Amino acid sequence: MSTKLIQPTPSGSGWRIWGHDHAVKGLQSAVRTGVRHAYILSGFHDVGKQALALEFARALVCMEPPAPGLSCGACAICRRVGRGTFPDVSLYDLSRQQEEASKSSTSRHQSLNIETVRQITSSVSLRPMEAKHRVVIVDDVETMQETAQEAFLKTLEEPPAYAVILLLTTDADLLLETIRSRAAVIQLQTVKPALIAEMLEAAGVERDEADTIASASVGRPGWAVQAANDPGLLKQRLDVQSQVMSWIQGDQYGRMVEATKLGDSFTRDRQAVFTRLSMAQTAWRSIALQAVGIGEAERRPALDTIAKSVSPVGALTALKSVAQCMNDLDSNVRPRLALQSMVLQWPVAES
């Protein structure tokens, strides 16, 4: 495994972002023609929202841009943005909130609270010290309770002319309509494994390792970069991938038992459940393609075996059931019910 620190290199867009070309082009155009005061970047955990926000921030504050919409990536300001020490670019998230919480508190906050909203509002109001813009990035916005969102609304209604606010969320629909209407919403989709592998290879990862990480990433470049720098993270994900394959290959009873366990754990670890569902979705997609004879670049013996023993209709039904389950969970359907209903639609492979 690689031992050096892996960082993405610039893609064809000139930004260190791979697979989100539409979003990159839109934000680069905004740098050239005029930015809005607020943007919502929506997508799965580790899909690249924070990386995209930071690249946008660099393009806005870089003093030596090689071209409009780009950043040099090497000047003092660009390097400070990367280290989180440039005063005109601020990042707020659950981790920062926890770090700044009272040392006497032993509880872990699960949502951005009113106090953090006050800090964000104060940060937005500060005039830039060195750049033309003050960029405030707020991650984990979906965890804001309604009262906190309402408190934040005034900041979006009357922002200073120099402020650019970037709200990062797993689902824009979890935010109040009054907040969504005051920002440009940019939806980030998962990225093809082949492109993630290309990104890792360009950063210096060996091809076989890059392919393995990309396959396990379920389309999330941010996770892929973390895994390239932490072999333990990849091992954990491969273990989960193996568990997902066992789940798919199991009989109806075994599938129901696993669905029930995941449903009961949903409130404790929402992200882990969605990661498993994303892996199941990827697997069923591969099975469906192979069942109709199309196939794809990534082929595994277990998937081939299942594809030969289920009908194309059955595989497509399973694929749709995973998407429906994910939508149901986002819509606050009871987790156990959503997951059990999903596996009941999975075809059982003939032995």
Protein backbone atom coordinates (compact mmCIF):
# COMPACT_ATOMS: atom_id res chain seq x y z
CA MET A 1 0.00 0.00 0.00
CA SER A 2 1.09 3.61 -0.54
CA THR A 3 2.90 5.29 2.34
CA LYS A 4 3.19 8.85 1.00
CA LEU A 5 0.41 11.38 1.46
CA ILE A 6 -1.86 11.24 -1.58
CA GLN A 7 -3.47 14.45 -2.84
CA PRO A 8 -5.53 14.77 -6.03
CA THR A 9 -3.83 16.56 -8.91
CA PRO A 10 -5.69 19.04 -11.14
CA SER A 11 -8.06 17.41 -13.60
CA GLY A 12 -8.80 18.72 -17.09
CA SER A 13 -10.82 21.56 -15.54
CA GLY A 14 -7.75 22.91 -13.76
CA TRP A 15 -9.32 22.20 -10.35
CA ARG A 16 -8.37 19.26 -8.11
CA ILE A 17 -11.85 17.87 -8.64
CA TRP A 18 -12.57 14.71 -10.62
CA GLY A 19 -15.99 13.68 -11.85
CA HIS A 20 -18.06 16.78 -11.11
CA ASP A 21 -17.46 18.65 -14.36
CA HIS A 22 -20.88 20.30 -14.53
CA ALA A 23 -20.54 21.73 -11.01
CA VAL A 24 -16.97 22.86 -11.62
CA LYS A 25 -17.85 24.63 -14.88
CA GLY A 26 -20.74 26.42 -13.19
CA LEU A 27 -18.65 27.64 -10.28
CA GLN A 28 -15.74 28.66 -12.50
CA SER A 29 -18.15 30.68 -14.61
CA ALA A 30 -19.43 32.33 -11.43
CA VAL A 31 -15.88 33.37 -10.49
CA ARG A 32 -15.50 35.01 -13.91
CA THR A 33 -18.92 36.66 -14.22
CA GLY A 34 -20.04 37.26 -10.64
CA VAL A 35 -20.78 35.04 -7.67
CA ARG A 36 -24.04 34.63 -5.81
CA HIS A 37 -24.08 35.19 -2.08
CA ALA A 38 -25.01 31.58 -1.26
CA TYR A 39 -24.68 28.08 -2.72
CA ILE A 40 -25.90 24.69 -1.51
CA LEU A 41 -23.69 21.73 -2.42
CA SER A 42 -25.70 18.55 -1.95
CA GLY A 43 -24.55 14.93 -2.15
CA PHE A 44 -23.46 11.84 -0.24
CA HIS A 45 -20.80 11.95 2.46
CA ASP A 46 -17.29 11.98 0.94
CA VAL A 47 -18.58 12.56 -2.60
CA GLY A 48 -16.43 15.69 -2.83
CA LYS A 49 -18.52 18.57 -1.49
CA GLN A 50 -15.89 20.01 0.84
CA ALA A 51 -13.10 19.61 -1.72
CA LEU A 52 -15.23 21.43 -4.30
CA ALA A 53 -16.05 24.21 -1.82
CA LEU A 54 -12.36 24.73 -1.03
CA GLU A 55 -11.40 24.82 -4.71
CA PHE A 56 -14.10 27.43 -5.27
CA ALA A 57 -12.78 29.41 -2.31
CA ARG A 58 -9.21 29.28 -3.67
CA ALA A 59 -10.38 30.52 -7.06
CA LEU A 60 -12.13 33.45 -5.33
CA VAL A 61 -9.24 34.52 -3.09
CA CYS A 62 -6.09 33.56 -5.04
CA MET A 63 -3.99 36.64 -5.77
CA GLU A 64 -2.06 35.06 -8.66
CA PRO A 65 -4.64 33.12 -10.70
CA PRO A 66 -3.23 31.68 -13.95
CA ALA A 67 -6.61 32.35 -15.58
CA PRO A 68 -10.05 33.58 -14.49
CA GLY A 69 -11.82 30.87 -12.52
CA LEU A 70 -8.59 29.09 -11.56
CA SER A 71 -6.22 29.30 -8.62
CA CYS A 72 -2.48 28.90 -8.74
CA GLY A 73 -2.48 26.44 -5.85
CA ALA A 74 1.04 27.48 -4.89
CA CYS A 75 0.88 31.04 -3.56
CA ALA A 76 0.82 31.77 0.16
CA ILE A 77 -2.95 32.33 0.16
CA CYS A 78 -3.74 29.06 -1.65
CA ARG A 79 -1.51 27.13 0.73
CA ARG A 80 -3.11 28.78 3.75
CA VAL A 81 -6.58 27.95 2.49
CA GLY A 82 -5.48 24.31 2.26
CA ARG A 83 -4.15 24.39 5.82
CA GLY A 84 -7.27 26.14 7.12
CA THR A 85 -5.34 29.21 8.30
CA PHE A 86 -6.42 31.88 5.80
CA PRO A 87 -8.64 34.37 7.70
CA ASP A 88 -11.01 35.10 4.82
CA VAL A 89 -12.03 31.44 4.37
CA SER A 90 -13.75 29.76 7.31
CA LEU A 91 -15.05 26.21 7.72
CA TYR A 92 -17.69 25.18 10.25
CA ASP A 93 -18.89 21.62 10.83
CA LEU A 94 -19.75 19.17 13.61
CA SER A 95 -16.08 18.41 14.27
CA ARG A 96 -15.24 22.06 14.85
CA GLN A 97 -18.31 22.50 17.02
CA GLN A 98 -17.25 19.55 19.15
CA GLU A 99 -13.69 20.86 19.48
CA GLU A 100 -14.94 24.25 20.62
CA ALA A 101 -17.46 22.78 23.09
CA SER A 102 -16.79 23.08 26.80
CA LYS A 103 -14.24 20.57 28.06
CA SER A 104 -16.64 19.73 30.85
CA SER A 105 -19.14 18.41 28.33
CA THR A 106 -18.88 14.68 27.65
CA SER A 107 -21.77 14.48 25.18
CA ARG A 108 -21.15 14.48 21.46
CA HIS A 109 -23.27 16.92 19.52
CA GLN A 110 -25.25 15.37 16.71
CA SER A 111 -26.46 18.63 15.19
CA LEU A 112 -25.18 22.13 14.48
CA ASN A 113 -26.60 24.22 17.31
CA ILE A 114 -27.66 27.81 17.83
CA GLU A 115 -24.28 28.79 19.26
CA THR A 116 -22.53 27.60 16.10
CA VAL A 117 -25.06 29.50 13.99
CA ARG A 118 -24.18 32.65 15.95
CA GLN A 119 -20.49 32.05 15.24
CA ILE A 120 -21.21 31.59 11.54
CA THR A 121 -23.29 34.78 11.45
CA SER A 122 -20.49 36.69 13.16
CA SER A 123 -17.95 35.27 10.71
CA VAL A 124 -20.05 36.28 7.70
CA SER A 125 -20.31 39.86 8.99
CA LEU A 126 -16.52 40.33 9.19
CA ARG A 127 -15.00 42.27 6.31
CA PRO A 128 -12.29 40.44 4.33
CA MET A 129 -8.79 41.09 5.61
CA GLU A 130 -6.74 40.16 2.52
CA ALA A 131 -9.08 39.11 -0.29
CA LYS A 132 -12.08 40.59 -2.12
CA HIS A 133 -14.44 37.96 -0.70
CA ARG A 134 -15.10 36.38 2.64
CA VAL A 135 -15.96 32.72 2.07
CA VAL A 136 -17.79 30.84 4.82
CA ILE A 137 -18.20 27.07 4.34
CA VAL A 138 -20.73 25.28 6.54
CA ASP A 139 -20.68 21.47 6.39
CA ASP A 140 -23.19 19.05 8.00
CA VAL A 141 -25.98 21.57 7.40
CA GLU A 142 -28.55 18.77 7.25
CA THR A 143 -28.06 18.30 11.01
CA MET A 144 -29.34 21.80 11.82
CA GLN A 145 -32.60 21.68 13.73
CA GLU A 146 -35.40 23.84 12.37
CA THR A 147 -34.86 26.52 15.03
CA ALA A 148 -31.17 26.77 14.08
CA GLN A 149 -32.07 27.01 10.39
CA GLU A 150 -34.55 29.77 11.15
CA ALA A 151 -31.87 31.64 13.12
CA PHE A 152 -29.52 31.29 10.15
CA LEU A 153 -32.12 32.53 7.68
CA LYS A 154 -31.56 36.22 8.43
CA THR A 155 -27.90 35.85 7.47
CA LEU A 156 -28.97 34.54 4.05
CA GLU A 157 -31.60 37.26 3.65
CA GLU A 158 -29.24 40.17 4.31
CA PRO A 159 -25.67 39.04 3.55
CA PRO A 160 -22.84 41.56 3.10
CA ALA A 161 -21.90 42.15 -0.53
CA TYR A 162 -18.46 40.60 -0.03
CA ALA A 163 -19.71 37.35 1.57
CA VAL A 164 -20.01 33.99 -0.20
CA ILE A 165 -21.71 31.29 1.88
CA LEU A 166 -21.37 27.61 0.92
CA LEU A 167 -23.77 25.21 2.61
CA LEU A 168 -22.81 21.52 2.37
CA THR A 169 -25.50 18.90 2.96
CA THR A 170 -26.25 15.28 2.20
CA ASP A 171 -29.74 16.26 1.04
CA ALA A 172 -30.92 19.75 0.13
CA ASP A 173 -34.52 18.70 0.74
CA LEU A 174 -33.75 18.43 4.47
CA LEU A 175 -33.32 22.21 4.56
CA LEU A 176 -36.13 24.71 4.93
CA GLU A 177 -37.61 25.90 1.66
CA THR A 178 -36.86 29.48 2.71
CA ILE A 179 -33.15 28.58 2.86
CA ARG A 180 -33.16 26.65 -0.43
CA SER A 181 -34.85 29.54 -2.22
CA ARG A 182 -32.06 31.91 -1.25
CA ALA A 183 -29.20 29.81 -2.61
CA ALA A 184 -28.15 28.15 -5.84
CA VAL A 185 -28.45 24.38 -5.36
CA ILE A 186 -25.72 22.21 -6.90
CA GLN A 187 -26.29 18.44 -6.75
CA LEU A 188 -23.21 16.22 -6.77
CA GLN A 189 -23.62 12.66 -8.04
CA THR A 190 -21.37 9.70 -7.34
CA VAL A 191 -18.36 9.33 -9.64
CA LYS A 192 -17.58 6.37 -11.91
CA PRO A 193 -15.00 3.99 -10.37
CA ALA A 194 -12.85 4.20 -13.51
CA LEU A 195 -12.49 7.97 -13.08
CA ILE A 196 -11.70 7.61 -9.38
CA ALA A 197 -9.01 5.08 -10.25
CA GLU A 198 -7.61 7.51 -12.83
CA MET A 199 -7.54 10.24 -10.19
CA LEU A 200 -5.62 8.00 -7.77
CA GLU A 201 -3.14 6.88 -10.44
CA ALA A 202 -2.47 10.50 -11.37
CA ALA A 203 -1.71 11.16 -7.70
CA GLY A 204 0.84 8.33 -7.61
CA VAL A 205 -1.13 5.28 -6.49
CA GLU A 206 -0.22 1.97 -8.14
CA ARG A 207 -2.79 0.81 -10.69
CA ASP A 208 -3.96 -2.36 -8.89
CA GLU A 209 -4.32 -0.49 -5.62
CA ALA A 210 -6.14 2.36 -7.35
CA ASP A 211 -8.61 -0.10 -8.93
CA THR A 212 -9.24 -1.78 -5.57
CA ILE A 213 -9.86 1.50 -3.77
CA ALA A 214 -12.04 2.84 -6.58
CA SER A 215 -14.18 -0.29 -6.54
CA ALA A 216 -14.67 0.00 -2.78
CA SER A 217 -15.38 3.73 -2.86
CA VAL A 218 -18.98 3.37 -4.11
CA GLY A 219 -18.41 6.45 -6.25
CA ARG A 220 -17.06 8.77 -3.54
CA PRO A 221 -13.71 10.36 -4.43
CA GLY A 222 -13.28 11.90 -0.98
CA TRP A 223 -13.37 8.49 0.65
CA ALA A 224 -11.00 7.12 -2.01
CA VAL A 225 -8.37 9.74 -1.14
CA GLN A 226 -8.73 8.95 2.56
CA ALA A 227 -8.38 5.22 1.87
CA ALA A 228 -5.27 5.79 -0.26
CA ASN A 229 -3.69 7.41 2.80
CA ASP A 230 -5.07 4.94 5.36
CA PRO A 231 -4.81 1.21 4.53
CA GLY A 232 -6.93 0.40 7.57
CA LEU A 233 -9.84 2.32 6.10
CA LEU A 234 -9.70 0.26 2.92
CA LYS A 235 -9.58 -3.00 4.90
CA GLN A 236 -12.69 -1.98 6.85
CA ARG A 237 -14.53 -1.12 3.65
CA LEU A 238 -13.55 -4.39 1.96
CA ASP A 239 -14.86 -6.26 5.01
CA VAL A 240 -18.16 -4.39 4.68
CA GLN A 241 -18.22 -5.10 0.94
CA SER A 242 -17.84 -8.80 1.71
CA GLN A 243 -20.71 -8.59 4.20
CA VAL A 244 -22.90 -6.92 1.59
CA MET A 245 -22.17 -9.68 -0.91
CA SER A 246 -23.07 -12.29 1.72
CA TRP A 247 -26.29 -10.37 2.34
CA ILE A 248 -27.19 -10.42 -1.34
CA GLN A 249 -26.28 -14.10 -1.73
CA GLY A 250 -28.21 -15.13 1.38
CA ASP A 251 -31.64 -16.73 1.59
CA GLN A 252 -34.78 -14.77 2.39
CA TYR A 253 -34.55 -15.39 6.12
CA GLY A 254 -30.91 -14.28 6.34
CA ARG A 255 -31.65 -11.17 4.31
CA MET A 256 -34.53 -10.24 6.64
CA VAL A 257 -32.38 -10.71 9.73
CA GLU A 258 -29.68 -8.41 8.31
CA ALA A 259 -32.27 -5.85 7.19
CA THR A 260 -33.73 -5.80 10.70
CA LYS A 261 -30.29 -5.28 12.28
CA LEU A 262 -29.51 -2.42 9.91
CA GLY A 263 -32.90 -0.84 10.54
CA ASP A 264 -32.32 -0.93 14.30
CA SER A 265 -28.87 0.68 13.88
CA PHE A 266 -30.03 3.45 11.55
CA THR A 267 -30.55 6.14 14.18
CA ARG A 268 -27.11 5.41 15.69
CA ASP A 269 -25.13 5.36 12.44
CA ARG A 270 -27.09 6.67 9.49
CA GLN A 271 -23.99 6.99 7.29
CA ALA A 272 -22.96 3.35 7.77
CA VAL A 273 -26.39 2.14 6.65
CA PHE A 274 -26.34 4.36 3.56
CA THR A 275 -22.84 3.11 2.74
CA ARG A 276 -24.09 -0.48 2.80
CA LEU A 277 -27.05 0.44 0.65
CA SER A 278 -24.77 2.21 -1.83
CA MET A 279 -22.65 -0.93 -2.05
CA ALA A 280 -25.74 -3.07 -2.54
CA GLN A 281 -26.92 -0.69 -5.25
CA THR A 282 -23.56 -0.92 -7.03
CA ALA A 283 -23.60 -4.72 -6.81
CA TRP A 284 -27.16 -5.07 -8.13
CA ARG A 285 -26.37 -2.65 -10.95
CA SER A 286 -23.43 -4.84 -11.99
CA ILE A 287 -25.59 -7.95 -11.72
CA ALA A 288 -28.35 -6.37 -13.82
CA LEU A 289 -25.91 -5.33 -16.56
CA GLN A 290 -24.30 -8.74 -16.66
CA ALA A 291 -27.70 -10.46 -16.63
CA VAL A 292 -28.62 -8.71 -19.88
CA GLY A 293 -25.21 -9.43 -21.38
CA ILE A 294 -23.78 -5.94 -21.26
CA GLY A 295 -21.20 -6.38 -18.51
CA GLU A 296 -18.85 -3.66 -17.35
CA ALA A 297 -15.21 -2.99 -16.53
CA GLU A 298 -15.41 -4.22 -12.96
CA ARG A 299 -16.25 -7.93 -12.82
CA ARG A 300 -16.15 -10.18 -9.78
CA PRO A 301 -16.78 -13.95 -9.75
CA ALA A 302 -19.53 -13.64 -7.12
CA LEU A 303 -21.42 -11.10 -9.25
CA ASP A 304 -21.05 -13.27 -12.34
CA THR A 305 -22.47 -16.25 -10.45
CA ILE A 306 -25.52 -14.32 -9.26
CA ALA A 307 -26.08 -12.76 -12.69
CA LYS A 308 -26.29 -16.25 -14.22
CA SER A 309 -28.93 -17.38 -11.73
CA VAL A 310 -31.34 -14.44 -11.66
CA SER A 311 -33.47 -12.96 -14.42
CA PRO A 312 -32.77 -9.47 -15.79
CA VAL A 313 -36.20 -8.40 -14.51
CA GLY A 314 -35.38 -9.71 -11.03
CA ALA A 315 -32.03 -7.89 -10.96
CA LEU A 316 -33.61 -4.63 -12.12
CA THR A 317 -36.36 -5.01 -9.50
CA ALA A 318 -33.70 -5.42 -6.82
CA LEU A 319 -31.83 -2.37 -8.09
CA LYS A 320 -34.98 -0.25 -7.99
CA SER A 321 -35.82 -1.53 -4.50
CA VAL A 322 -32.50 -0.24 -3.12
CA ALA A 323 -33.12 3.22 -4.59
CA GLN A 324 -36.63 3.20 -3.14
CA CYS A 325 -35.30 2.19 0.27
CA MET A 326 -32.80 5.06 0.27
CA ASN A 327 -35.57 7.49 -0.66
CA ASP A 328 -37.81 6.06 2.06
CA LEU A 329 -35.11 6.46 4.68
CA ASP A 330 -34.61 10.08 3.62
CA SER A 331 -38.39 10.55 3.89
CA ASN A 332 -38.44 9.31 7.49
CA VAL A 333 -40.13 5.99 6.77
CA ARG A 334 -39.49 3.61 9.66
CA PRO A 335 -35.99 2.21 8.94
CA ARG A 336 -36.82 -1.41 9.76
CA LEU A 337 -39.88 -1.33 7.50
CA ALA A 338 -37.99 0.32 4.62
CA LEU A 339 -35.14 -2.20 4.71
CA GLN A 340 -37.37 -5.25 5.13
CA SER A 341 -39.57 -4.14 2.24
CA MET A 342 -36.45 -3.78 0.11
CA VAL A 343 -35.03 -7.26 0.63
CA LEU A 344 -38.43 -8.86 0.03
CA GLN A 345 -38.06 -7.66 -3.56
CA TRP A 346 -34.64 -9.21 -4.08
CA PRO A 347 -34.64 -12.36 -6.20
CA VAL A 348 -33.11 -15.44 -4.57
CA ALA A 349 -30.35 -16.92 -6.72
CA GLU A 350 -30.82 -20.54 -7.70
CA SER A 351 -28.15 -22.83 -6.31
